[in-house]
């Protein structure tokens, strides 16, 4: 048992450290945007935050597609079938490229229409449209690089995927400062500069991914797999991906509705909500790293046929997720005074932000448990339908209608609206626990008899 415990810790740390660091660095991009654009005007911060919801929606689709890739790649890699990993890698790349192209074209040719979805404030629409038009190529590049990085993470190269992403983040932050403020003789481009910095960082990221997979011993994107697919693997991909994609759509659109609701409650509410989400996402990086790494670890064990060990690992991971959520909540409370001191918001927006950060604490604890199960353990064993049903019920049966009712019918105060819609993660927990204890996720997806 001691040996197995030590092996569990060694493998988990090897996975979660690079993935967590990657999540932290990605969060720092949003934080740097908020700090730098907030130094210009509060409207600049709010506009780019709302425009960023387009990227959020794209990432919602990307997560569904790459999660399907991750499910099969983790199990087939655990089984030792590299050819199957490469075939599913090529198939997902084709689908993702087509989807990302749609976001690229929408951002380039219809930026104002996209902004009107999130706010009716004319200044925010105009500023956000500038950002979307300039940042649109990044939508295409992000899709390609995310598939590459998912393949790397699930083939024993999580550290490399993290290095690629983290270097891109550092480049993005540095270029943000240069282009937003016009440093080192460059023109001052403000919002457009933030967008250009993002595009250039994504170019570097995509090129590095292509070069990395070309090296010997890496999972490769082969032309023969792009031209000729494997129907059995494709059917398995959609079997497990469609519920995940549906889950992301019902959850992501519901979460986007939160921004729509807050976006119509005034610029102070938008600014405070933007900063609160950035801080919460940054603090929750460890929880997401733990969930993603835990899912890969459980998937490897299931694919190798070690079902009892996978079940034991699931139990340990859930305990770690609870501890991680509590620790994250305490950390958020500890840094709240510093966040309030660093942000240059109006007095009303600062008051909103203070209490929004406090209310994010209970959300973090529940979110940590849900990320571990929804995004990690359940999909690792092919139990991807539960998340779809649960999120559809909670987001659209509770959070969105309650938020709309509270904001536009009852006209409750901003903080009351924020409190009600941020109860969503807690509402899910009883159903999540019941589903976990059924152990439907303890399944080897690479065994032909279990595909029937």
Foldseek 3Di string as FASTA:
>chain_A
DVVLVVVLVVLLCLQLVLQLLLLLLVLVLLVLLQLLLLVVPLLLNLLQLLLCLLVLLLVLLLLLLLLLLLLVLLLVLLVVNLVLNLLSLLVSLVVLLVSLVVQLVCLQPPQLVSSVLQAPDVSSSVSNSLLSNLQSVLSNLVSNLSSLLSQCSSNSNSNVSSVLSNVLSVQLSVQLVCACCVPPPRDHDNSSSNSNSSNVSSVSSSVVSQVVQVDPPHSHNDPVSNVDHDVVSVVSSCLLSVLSSLLSVLQSVLVSLVSSLQNHPDSLSSSLVSLLVSLLSSLLSSLLSLQASLQSVLLSCLSNVNLVSSLVSLVVSLVVLLVSLQVSLVVLVVCLVVSLVSRDGDPSSSVLNSVLSNLCSVLSNLVSNCSNQQSGQQSSQSNNNVSSVLSNCLSVVFQNVVLCCCCPPVNHDSNVSSNRNSCSSVVSVVVSVVVSVVVPSSHNPVDVVVVD
